[in-house]
């Protein structure tokens, strides 16, 4: 299977790690073989902090995705609406079992030279930028 490295703002990383946010919203759908998200916490943290299994990907119209995920969204409806403004489809990665690193890692430790603007796929030999 494959891992996807996501750049996520520290406040949302905190909500994910606490279990309050059980969905990560994106404007794209990852490849079929992705089964894990590697979480990179953006500035000021600038570290890879955890890995989390993907239980499922909820994909539908923006409103349907909100209705299905809002209980564990970790964000406000206003934030959600602003994020998907002008979009017809939404994607929510349902987050499962998590492994939080005892010592957060630098990107170079996982074979990545610089933080992805949004995401990149991680292969055994490093990262495949998208």
N, C-alpha and C. Protein backbone atom coordinates (compact mmCIF):
# COMPACT_ATOMS: atom_id res chain seq x y z
N UNK A 1 0.84 -1.18 0.00
CA UNK A 1 0.00 0.00 0.00
C UNK A 1 0.89 1.25 0.00
N UNK A 2 0.25 2.40 0.08
CA UNK A 2 0.97 3.66 -0.10
C UNK A 2 0.57 4.64 1.01
N UNK A 3 1.50 5.55 1.30
CA UNK A 3 1.23 6.59 2.28
C UNK A 3 1.19 7.94 1.58
N UNK A 4 0.43 8.85 2.17
CA UNK A 4 0.31 10.20 1.65
C UNK A 4 0.73 11.17 2.76
N UNK A 5 1.67 12.04 2.45
CA UNK A 5 2.12 13.06 3.40
C UNK A 5 1.25 14.30 3.20
N UNK A 6 0.58 14.73 4.28
CA UNK A 6 -0.27 15.91 4.22
C UNK A 6 0.31 17.02 5.09
N UNK A 7 0.33 18.22 4.56
CA UNK A 7 0.67 19.41 5.33
C UNK A 7 -0.61 19.90 6.01
N UNK A 8 -0.57 19.98 7.33
CA UNK A 8 -1.76 20.37 8.10
C UNK A 8 -1.35 21.42 9.13
N UNK A 9 -2.17 22.45 9.27
CA UNK A 9 -1.90 23.53 10.23
C UNK A 9 -1.91 22.97 11.66
N UNK A 10 -1.02 23.50 12.52
CA UNK A 10 -0.90 22.96 13.88
C UNK A 10 -2.19 22.88 14.68
N UNK A 11 -3.09 23.86 14.53
CA UNK A 11 -4.34 23.81 15.32
C UNK A 11 -5.20 22.61 14.90
N UNK A 12 -5.16 22.24 13.63
CA UNK A 12 -5.92 21.08 13.18
C UNK A 12 -5.21 19.79 13.55
N UNK A 13 -3.89 19.82 13.54
CA UNK A 13 -3.13 18.65 14.00
C UNK A 13 -3.49 18.36 15.46
N UNK A 14 -3.55 19.39 16.28
CA UNK A 14 -3.90 19.21 17.70
C UNK A 14 -5.28 18.58 17.84
N UNK A 15 -6.23 19.02 17.02
CA UNK A 15 -7.59 18.45 17.06
C UNK A 15 -7.60 17.00 16.61
N UNK A 16 -6.77 16.67 15.63
CA UNK A 16 -6.67 15.28 15.18
C UNK A 16 -6.06 14.42 16.28
N UNK A 17 -4.95 14.88 16.85
CA UNK A 17 -4.27 14.09 17.87
C UNK A 17 -5.12 13.90 19.12
N UNK A 18 -5.98 14.86 19.43
CA UNK A 18 -6.85 14.75 20.60
C UNK A 18 -8.07 13.86 20.34
N UNK A 19 -8.31 13.54 19.05
CA UNK A 19 -9.47 12.71 18.70
C UNK A 19 -10.72 13.52 18.42
N UNK A 20 -10.66 14.84 18.55
CA UNK A 20 -11.82 15.68 18.28
C UNK A 20 -12.13 15.73 16.79
N UNK A 21 -11.09 15.77 15.97
CA UNK A 21 -11.24 15.86 14.51
C UNK A 21 -10.95 14.48 13.92
N UNK A 22 -11.99 13.83 13.42
CA UNK A 22 -11.83 12.48 12.88
C UNK A 22 -11.92 12.43 11.36
N UNK A 23 -12.01 13.60 10.75
CA UNK A 23 -12.04 13.70 9.29
C UNK A 23 -11.07 14.78 8.85
N UNK A 24 -10.32 14.47 7.81
CA UNK A 24 -9.45 15.47 7.19
C UNK A 24 -10.04 15.77 5.83
N UNK A 25 -10.37 17.03 5.60
CA UNK A 25 -11.06 17.45 4.37
C UNK A 25 -10.06 17.90 3.33
N UNK A 26 -10.32 17.49 2.10
CA UNK A 26 -9.47 17.88 0.99
C UNK A 26 -10.31 18.10 -0.25
N UNK A 27 -9.74 18.80 -1.21
CA UNK A 27 -10.42 19.09 -2.46
C UNK A 27 -10.06 18.06 -3.53
N UNK A 28 -9.35 17.04 -3.17
CA UNK A 28 -8.92 16.00 -4.10
C UNK A 28 -9.12 14.63 -3.48
N UNK A 29 -9.12 13.63 -4.32
CA UNK A 29 -9.17 12.25 -3.85
C UNK A 29 -7.81 11.62 -4.15
N UNK A 30 -7.29 10.93 -3.19
CA UNK A 30 -5.99 10.30 -3.37
C UNK A 30 -6.12 9.04 -4.25
N UNK A 31 -4.98 8.49 -4.59
CA UNK A 31 -4.95 7.24 -5.34
C UNK A 31 -5.63 6.13 -4.53
N UNK A 32 -6.07 5.11 -5.24
CA UNK A 32 -6.77 3.99 -4.60
C UNK A 32 -5.90 3.22 -3.61
N UNK A 33 -4.59 3.20 -3.82
CA UNK A 33 -3.73 2.37 -2.99
C UNK A 33 -3.26 3.06 -1.70
N UNK A 34 -3.70 4.28 -1.45
CA UNK A 34 -3.29 5.00 -0.23
C UNK A 34 -4.13 4.49 0.94
N UNK A 35 -3.43 4.05 1.98
CA UNK A 35 -4.12 3.54 3.17
C UNK A 35 -3.71 4.25 4.45
N UNK A 36 -2.75 5.19 4.34
CA UNK A 36 -2.25 5.87 5.54
C UNK A 36 -1.88 7.30 5.21
N UNK A 37 -2.15 8.18 6.18
CA UNK A 37 -1.75 9.59 6.08
C UNK A 37 -0.62 9.82 7.06
N UNK A 38 0.45 10.43 6.57
CA UNK A 38 1.55 10.87 7.41
C UNK A 38 1.34 12.36 7.61
N UNK A 39 1.27 12.80 8.87
CA UNK A 39 0.91 14.17 9.19
C UNK A 39 2.14 15.04 9.41
N UNK A 40 2.25 16.07 8.56
CA UNK A 40 3.29 17.10 8.73
C UNK A 40 2.61 18.34 9.30
N UNK A 41 3.02 18.74 10.48
CA UNK A 41 2.49 19.94 11.12
C UNK A 41 3.30 21.13 10.62
N UNK A 42 2.61 22.08 9.99
CA UNK A 42 3.27 23.22 9.36
C UNK A 42 3.82 24.19 10.42
N UNK A 43 4.37 25.30 9.96
CA UNK A 43 5.00 26.30 10.84
C UNK A 43 4.03 26.72 11.95
N UNK A 44 4.51 26.90 13.14
CA UNK A 44 5.90 26.93 13.55
C UNK A 44 6.48 25.56 13.92
N UNK A 45 5.67 24.49 13.92
CA UNK A 45 6.15 23.17 14.34
C UNK A 45 7.16 22.59 13.34
N UNK A 46 6.77 22.53 12.09
CA UNK A 46 7.63 22.05 11.00
C UNK A 46 8.21 20.67 11.25
N UNK A 47 7.33 19.73 11.64
CA UNK A 47 7.76 18.36 11.92
C UNK A 47 6.67 17.37 11.47
N UNK A 48 7.11 16.17 11.18
CA UNK A 48 6.21 15.07 10.93
C UNK A 48 5.90 14.48 12.29
N UNK A 49 4.61 14.48 12.67
CA UNK A 49 4.26 14.18 14.05
C UNK A 49 3.53 12.85 14.26
N UNK A 50 2.91 12.32 13.19
CA UNK A 50 2.11 11.11 13.39
C UNK A 50 1.78 10.45 12.06
N UNK A 51 1.29 9.23 12.17
CA UNK A 51 0.72 8.49 11.03
C UNK A 51 -0.66 8.05 11.45
N UNK A 52 -1.59 8.04 10.51
CA UNK A 52 -2.95 7.63 10.83
C UNK A 52 -3.52 6.82 9.66
N UNK A 53 -4.20 5.73 10.01
CA UNK A 53 -4.83 4.90 8.99
C UNK A 53 -6.06 5.59 8.43
N UNK A 54 -6.32 5.35 7.16
CA UNK A 54 -7.54 5.84 6.52
C UNK A 54 -8.57 4.72 6.61
N UNK A 55 -9.68 4.98 7.29
CA UNK A 55 -10.76 4.00 7.40
C UNK A 55 -11.54 3.95 6.10
N UNK A 56 -11.89 5.13 5.60
CA UNK A 56 -12.64 5.25 4.35
C UNK A 56 -12.49 6.67 3.84
N UNK A 57 -12.86 6.87 2.60
CA UNK A 57 -12.90 8.20 2.02
C UNK A 57 -14.36 8.50 1.68
N UNK A 58 -14.88 9.53 2.30
CA UNK A 58 -16.25 9.96 2.04
C UNK A 58 -16.18 10.94 0.88
N UNK A 59 -16.83 10.60 -0.21
CA UNK A 59 -16.78 11.41 -1.43
C UNK A 59 -18.21 11.62 -1.92
N UNK A 60 -18.60 12.88 -2.03
CA UNK A 60 -19.96 13.18 -2.49
C UNK A 60 -20.05 14.69 -2.73
N UNK A 61 -21.27 15.17 -2.87
CA UNK A 61 -21.46 16.61 -2.98
C UNK A 61 -21.01 17.26 -1.66
N UNK A 62 -20.71 18.53 -1.71
CA UNK A 62 -20.23 19.24 -0.54
C UNK A 62 -21.22 19.11 0.62
N UNK A 63 -22.49 19.32 0.37
CA UNK A 63 -23.48 19.26 1.45
C UNK A 63 -23.64 17.86 2.02
N UNK A 64 -23.61 16.85 1.18
CA UNK A 64 -23.75 15.47 1.66
C UNK A 64 -22.54 15.09 2.52
N UNK A 65 -21.35 15.47 2.11
CA UNK A 65 -20.17 15.16 2.90
C UNK A 65 -20.26 15.83 4.27
N UNK A 66 -20.71 17.08 4.31
CA UNK A 66 -20.86 17.75 5.61
C UNK A 66 -21.87 17.01 6.48
N UNK A 67 -23.00 16.64 5.93
CA UNK A 67 -24.03 15.93 6.71
C UNK A 67 -23.51 14.62 7.28
N UNK A 68 -22.68 13.93 6.52
CA UNK A 68 -22.15 12.63 6.95
C UNK A 68 -21.02 12.75 7.98
N UNK A 69 -20.32 13.89 8.00
CA UNK A 69 -19.10 13.99 8.81
C UNK A 69 -19.12 15.06 9.89
N UNK A 70 -20.13 15.88 9.93
CA UNK A 70 -20.12 17.08 10.79
C UNK A 70 -19.94 16.77 12.28
N UNK A 71 -20.40 15.63 12.75
CA UNK A 71 -20.30 15.31 14.18
C UNK A 71 -18.86 15.20 14.65
N UNK A 72 -17.96 14.82 13.76
CA UNK A 72 -16.55 14.66 14.13
C UNK A 72 -15.64 15.44 13.19
N UNK A 73 -16.14 16.58 12.71
CA UNK A 73 -15.40 17.37 11.73
C UNK A 73 -14.23 18.13 12.35
N UNK A 74 -14.39 18.59 13.58
CA UNK A 74 -13.36 19.39 14.22
C UNK A 74 -13.25 20.80 13.65
N UNK A 75 -14.21 21.18 12.79
CA UNK A 75 -14.22 22.52 12.20
C UNK A 75 -15.66 23.03 12.20
N UNK A 76 -15.80 24.33 11.97
CA UNK A 76 -17.13 24.93 11.92
C UNK A 76 -17.73 24.76 10.52
N UNK A 77 -19.03 24.89 10.42
CA UNK A 77 -19.71 24.85 9.13
C UNK A 77 -19.25 26.01 8.26
N UNK A 78 -19.05 27.18 8.85
CA UNK A 78 -18.57 28.34 8.10
C UNK A 78 -17.20 28.07 7.49
N UNK A 79 -16.29 27.48 8.27
CA UNK A 79 -14.97 27.15 7.77
C UNK A 79 -15.08 26.15 6.61
N UNK A 80 -15.89 25.12 6.80
CA UNK A 80 -16.12 24.11 5.78
C UNK A 80 -16.65 24.73 4.49
N UNK A 81 -17.67 25.57 4.63
CA UNK A 81 -18.27 26.22 3.46
C UNK A 81 -17.26 27.10 2.72
N UNK A 82 -16.47 27.84 3.47
CA UNK A 82 -15.46 28.70 2.85
C UNK A 82 -14.41 27.86 2.11
N UNK A 83 -13.98 26.76 2.72
CA UNK A 83 -12.97 25.89 2.11
C UNK A 83 -13.46 25.32 0.78
N UNK A 84 -14.72 24.93 0.72
CA UNK A 84 -15.27 24.32 -0.49
C UNK A 84 -16.03 25.29 -1.39
N UNK A 85 -15.90 26.57 -1.14
CA UNK A 85 -16.61 27.57 -1.94
C UNK A 85 -16.33 27.36 -3.43
N UNK A 86 -17.41 27.24 -4.21
CA UNK A 86 -17.30 27.07 -5.65
C UNK A 86 -17.06 25.63 -6.10
N UNK A 87 -16.91 24.72 -5.15
CA UNK A 87 -16.66 23.31 -5.48
C UNK A 87 -17.97 22.52 -5.47
N UNK A 88 -18.03 21.51 -6.31
CA UNK A 88 -19.22 20.66 -6.35
C UNK A 88 -19.05 19.38 -5.52
N UNK A 89 -17.79 18.92 -5.38
CA UNK A 89 -17.51 17.68 -4.67
C UNK A 89 -16.57 17.95 -3.51
N UNK A 90 -16.72 17.11 -2.49
CA UNK A 90 -15.85 17.19 -1.33
C UNK A 90 -15.34 15.79 -1.01
N UNK A 91 -14.20 15.76 -0.35
CA UNK A 91 -13.57 14.51 0.04
C UNK A 91 -13.18 14.61 1.51
N UNK A 92 -13.59 13.62 2.28
CA UNK A 92 -13.26 13.59 3.71
C UNK A 92 -12.59 12.26 4.01
N UNK A 93 -11.37 12.35 4.49
CA UNK A 93 -10.62 11.16 4.86
C UNK A 93 -10.96 10.82 6.31
N UNK A 94 -11.62 9.66 6.50
CA UNK A 94 -12.02 9.23 7.84
C UNK A 94 -10.78 8.64 8.51
N UNK A 95 -10.36 9.27 9.60
CA UNK A 95 -9.12 8.90 10.26
C UNK A 95 -9.35 7.79 11.28
N UNK A 96 -8.47 6.81 11.24
CA UNK A 96 -8.60 5.66 12.13
C UNK A 96 -7.47 5.59 13.15
N UNK A 97 -6.89 4.40 13.26
CA UNK A 97 -5.83 4.17 14.24
C UNK A 97 -4.64 5.09 13.97
N UNK A 98 -4.12 5.65 15.06
CA UNK A 98 -3.07 6.65 14.95
C UNK A 98 -1.82 6.21 15.69
N UNK A 99 -0.68 6.54 15.12
CA UNK A 99 0.60 6.35 15.79
C UNK A 99 1.27 7.72 15.87
N UNK A 100 1.35 8.25 17.08
CA UNK A 100 1.98 9.55 17.30
C UNK A 100 3.45 9.28 17.62
N UNK A 101 4.34 9.96 16.95
CA UNK A 101 5.77 9.78 17.17
C UNK A 101 6.18 10.33 18.53
N UNK A 102 6.99 9.57 19.25
CA UNK A 102 7.54 10.06 20.52
C UNK A 102 8.40 11.29 20.27
N UNK A 103 9.16 11.24 19.19
CA UNK A 103 10.01 12.36 18.80
C UNK A 103 9.62 12.75 17.37
N UNK A 104 8.97 13.90 17.18
CA UNK A 104 8.60 14.32 15.82
C UNK A 104 9.82 14.34 14.91
N UNK A 105 9.59 14.03 13.63
CA UNK A 105 10.67 13.86 12.66
C UNK A 105 10.80 15.06 11.72
N UNK A 106 12.01 15.30 11.31
CA UNK A 106 12.26 16.26 10.23
C UNK A 106 11.85 15.61 8.92
N UNK A 107 11.48 16.40 7.95
CA UNK A 107 11.09 15.86 6.65
C UNK A 107 12.20 15.01 6.03
N UNK A 108 13.45 15.44 6.21
CA UNK A 108 14.58 14.71 5.64
C UNK A 108 14.67 13.28 6.18
N UNK A 109 14.17 13.07 7.38
CA UNK A 109 14.20 11.73 7.98
C UNK A 109 13.25 10.76 7.28
N UNK A 110 12.29 11.29 6.53
CA UNK A 110 11.37 10.42 5.79
C UNK A 110 11.58 10.54 4.28
N UNK A 111 12.70 11.13 3.89
CA UNK A 111 13.07 11.20 2.48
C UNK A 111 12.43 12.31 1.69
N UNK A 112 12.00 13.37 2.37
CA UNK A 112 11.36 14.50 1.70
C UNK A 112 12.22 15.74 1.91
N UNK A 113 12.48 16.48 0.82
CA UNK A 113 13.37 17.64 0.89
C UNK A 113 12.70 18.90 1.41
N UNK A 114 11.43 19.09 1.07
CA UNK A 114 10.71 20.30 1.49
C UNK A 114 9.24 19.96 1.68
N UNK A 115 8.54 20.74 2.48
CA UNK A 115 7.14 20.42 2.78
C UNK A 115 6.27 20.52 1.53
N UNK A 116 5.38 19.57 1.35
CA UNK A 116 4.47 19.68 0.21
C UNK A 116 3.50 20.83 0.43
N UNK A 117 3.16 21.53 -0.66
CA UNK A 117 2.19 22.62 -0.54
C UNK A 117 0.87 22.08 -0.03
N UNK A 118 0.48 20.93 -0.51
CA UNK A 118 -0.73 20.29 -0.06
C UNK A 118 -0.44 18.86 0.39
N UNK A 119 0.10 18.06 -0.53
CA UNK A 119 0.39 16.66 -0.21
C UNK A 119 1.41 16.11 -1.18
N UNK A 120 1.94 14.94 -0.84
CA UNK A 120 2.73 14.14 -1.77
C UNK A 120 2.58 12.69 -1.34
N UNK A 121 2.80 11.80 -2.28
CA UNK A 121 2.78 10.38 -1.99
C UNK A 121 4.17 9.97 -1.53
N UNK A 122 4.21 9.07 -0.56
CA UNK A 122 5.47 8.56 -0.06
C UNK A 122 5.65 7.14 -0.58
N UNK A 123 6.76 6.91 -1.22
CA UNK A 123 7.11 5.58 -1.68
C UNK A 123 8.26 5.08 -0.81
N UNK A 124 8.62 3.83 -0.96
CA UNK A 124 9.68 3.28 -0.13
C UNK A 124 11.00 4.03 -0.31
N UNK A 125 11.21 4.61 -1.51
CA UNK A 125 12.46 5.31 -1.75
C UNK A 125 12.37 6.81 -1.57
N UNK A 126 11.27 7.33 -1.05
CA UNK A 126 11.14 8.77 -0.87
C UNK A 126 9.77 9.25 -1.29
N UNK A 127 9.68 10.48 -1.74
CA UNK A 127 8.39 11.07 -2.02
C UNK A 127 8.18 11.25 -3.52
N UNK A 128 6.96 11.04 -3.94
CA UNK A 128 6.54 11.35 -5.31
C UNK A 128 5.67 12.58 -5.25
N UNK A 129 6.17 13.71 -5.71
CA UNK A 129 5.41 14.96 -5.65
C UNK A 129 4.27 14.94 -6.67
N UNK A 130 3.19 15.53 -6.28
CA UNK A 130 2.02 15.64 -7.16
C UNK A 130 1.76 17.10 -7.42
